[in-house]
C-alpha atoms as a PDB file:
ATOM      1  CA  GLU A   1       0.000   0.000   0.000  1.00  0.00           C
ATOM      2  CA  ASP A   2       2.808   2.454   0.890  1.00  0.00           C
ATOM      3  CA  ALA A   3       4.633   1.731  -2.369  1.00  0.00           C
ATOM      4  CA  ALA A   4       1.516   2.399  -4.452  1.00  0.00           C
ATOM      5  CA  ARG A   5       0.814   5.594  -2.510  1.00  0.00           C
ATOM      6  CA  VAL A   6       4.363   6.889  -3.024  1.00  0.00           C
ATOM      7  CA  ARG A   7       4.292   5.942  -6.721  1.00  0.00           C
ATOM      8  CA  ARG A   8       1.009   7.859  -7.202  1.00  0.00           C
ATOM      9  CA  HIS A   9       2.461  10.859  -5.394  1.00  0.00           C
ATOM     10  CA  LEU A  10       5.608  10.851  -7.551  1.00  0.00           C
ATOM     11  CA  ASP A  11       3.546  10.376 -10.733  1.00  0.00           C
ATOM     12  CA  ASN A  12       1.268  13.266  -9.749  1.00  0.00           C
ATOM     13  CA  ALA A  13       4.325  15.448  -9.091  1.00  0.00           C
ATOM     14  CA  GLY A  14       5.646  14.668 -12.586  1.00  0.00           C
ATOM     15  CA  PHE A  15       8.512  12.375 -11.566  1.00  0.00           C
ATOM     16  CA  THR A  16       9.373   9.273 -13.562  1.00  0.00           C
ATOM     17  CA  THR A  17       8.844   6.058 -11.612  1.00  0.00           C
ATOM     18  CA  ASP A  18       9.853   3.620 -14.348  1.00  0.00           C
ATOM     19  CA  LEU A  19      13.532   2.922 -15.118  1.00  0.00           C
ATOM     20  CA  ARG A  20      12.632   2.430 -18.782  1.00  0.00           C
ATOM     21  CA  GLU A  21      11.420   6.032 -19.029  1.00  0.00           C
ATOM     22  CA  LEU A  22      14.503   7.716 -17.537  1.00  0.00           C
ATOM     23  CA  PRO A  23      16.880   9.661 -19.792  1.00  0.00           C
ATOM     24  CA  GLY A  24      19.658   7.364 -20.989  1.00  0.00           C
ATOM     25  CA  ALA A  25      17.469   4.248 -20.993  1.00  0.00           C
ATOM     26  CA  PRO A  26      17.747   1.418 -21.706  1.00  0.00           C
ATOM     27  CA  PHE A  27      20.207   0.644 -18.947  1.00  0.00           C
ATOM     28  CA  ASP A  28      22.518  -2.363 -18.799  1.00  0.00           C
ATOM     29  CA  PRO A  29      21.970  -4.197 -15.486  1.00  0.00           C
ATOM     30  CA  GLU A  30      25.642  -5.258 -15.404  1.00  0.00           C
ATOM     31  CA  LYS A  31      26.816  -1.653 -15.691  1.00  0.00           C
ATOM     32  CA  LEU A  32      24.361  -0.579 -12.992  1.00  0.00           C
ATOM     33  CA  ILE A  33      25.653  -3.313 -10.652  1.00  0.00           C
ATOM     34  CA  ALA A  34      29.261  -2.225 -11.329  1.00  0.00           C
ATOM     35  CA  LEU A  35      28.384   1.391 -10.522  1.00  0.00           C
ATOM     36  CA  MET A  36      26.563   0.337  -7.354  1.00  0.00           C
ATOM     37  CA  ALA A  37      29.571  -1.751  -6.259  1.00  0.00           C
ATOM     38  CA  ALA A  38      31.805   1.310  -6.727  1.00  0.00           C
ATOM     39  CA  ASP A  39      29.486   3.579  -4.695  1.00  0.00           C
ATOM     40  CA  LYS A  40      30.947   5.114  -1.543  1.00  0.00           C
ATOM     41  CA  LYS A  41      28.454   3.138   0.568  1.00  0.00           C
ATOM     42  CA  ALA A  42      29.699  -0.191  -0.825  1.00  0.00           C
ATOM     43  CA  GLU A  43      32.111  -2.124   1.358  1.00  0.00           C
ATOM     44  CA  ALA A  44      34.742  -4.307  -0.338  1.00  0.00           C
ATOM     45  CA  GLY A  45      32.667  -4.299  -3.518  1.00  0.00           C
ATOM     46  CA  ALA A  46      29.565  -5.621  -1.729  1.00  0.00           C
ATOM     47  CA  LEU A  47      26.367  -3.763  -2.519  1.00  0.00           C
ATOM     48  CA  THR A  48      24.890  -1.547   0.176  1.00  0.00           C
ATOM     49  CA  LEU A  49      21.295  -0.495  -0.428  1.00  0.00           C
ATOM     50  CA  ILE A  50      19.075   2.056   1.269  1.00  0.00           C
ATOM     51  CA  LEU A  51      15.610   0.474   1.288  1.00  0.00           C
ATOM     52  CA  ALA A  52      12.236   1.226   2.846  1.00  0.00           C
ATOM     53  CA  ARG A  53       9.848  -0.955   4.795  1.00  0.00           C
ATOM     54  CA  GLY A  54       7.264   1.807   4.487  1.00  0.00           C
ATOM     55  CA  VAL A  55       6.910   5.570   4.442  1.00  0.00           C
ATOM     56  CA  GLY A  56       9.467   6.972   6.895  1.00  0.00           C
ATOM     57  CA  ARG A  57      10.896   3.511   7.627  1.00  0.00           C
ATOM     58  CA  ALA A  58      14.188   3.399   5.709  1.00  0.00           C
ATOM     59  CA  PHE A  59      16.966   0.965   6.568  1.00  0.00           C
ATOM     60  CA  ILE A  60      20.433   0.036   5.316  1.00  0.00           C
ATOM     61  CA  GLN A  61      20.932  -3.399   3.742  1.00  0.00           C
ATOM     62  CA  ARG A  62      24.635  -4.183   3.730  1.00  0.00           C
ATOM     63  CA  SER A  63      26.047  -6.956   1.541  1.00  0.00           C
ATOM     64  CA  ALA A  64      22.878  -7.130  -0.537  1.00  0.00           C
ATOM     65  CA  ASP A  65      22.517 -10.197  -2.752  1.00  0.00           C
ATOM     66  CA  ALA A  66      23.965  -9.000  -6.074  1.00  0.00           C
ATOM     67  CA  GLU A  67      22.171 -11.762  -8.001  1.00  0.00           C
ATOM     68  CA  ALA A  68      18.792 -10.688  -6.606  1.00  0.00           C
ATOM     69  CA  VAL A  69      19.538  -7.051  -7.468  1.00  0.00           C
ATOM     70  CA  ARG A  70      20.720  -8.094 -10.941  1.00  0.00           C
ATOM     71  CA  ALA A  71      17.502 -10.083 -11.514  1.00  0.00           C
ATOM     72  CA  LEU A  72      15.352  -7.155 -10.374  1.00  0.00           C
ATOM     73  CA  LEU A  73      17.235  -4.714 -12.609  1.00  0.00           C
ATOM     74  CA  ALA A  74      17.001  -7.094 -15.577  1.00  0.00           C
ATOM     75  CA  GLU A  75      13.230  -7.309 -15.097  1.00  0.00           C
ATOM     76  CA  GLU A  76      12.748  -3.570 -14.538  1.00  0.00           C
ATOM     77  CA  THR A  77      14.880  -2.534 -17.537  1.00  0.00           C
ATOM     78  CA  LYS A  78      13.290  -4.844 -20.144  1.00  0.00           C
END
């Protein structure tokens, strides 16, 4: 429910909520993973993600599963 509410809010504000519609698309999931691994939040090349359990409930996921992120990016960039 929170995700749908935030998506509607962003859509209504004119923000793009689909990776395929961003300038520079289509994106290569492998290149995105490489950039994420080089981010200052990454530790020893492991992905660190800032995620949300709900509105106002962000958390840090250290050593995120790169294969799961890769699969998500592959699906979202088709």
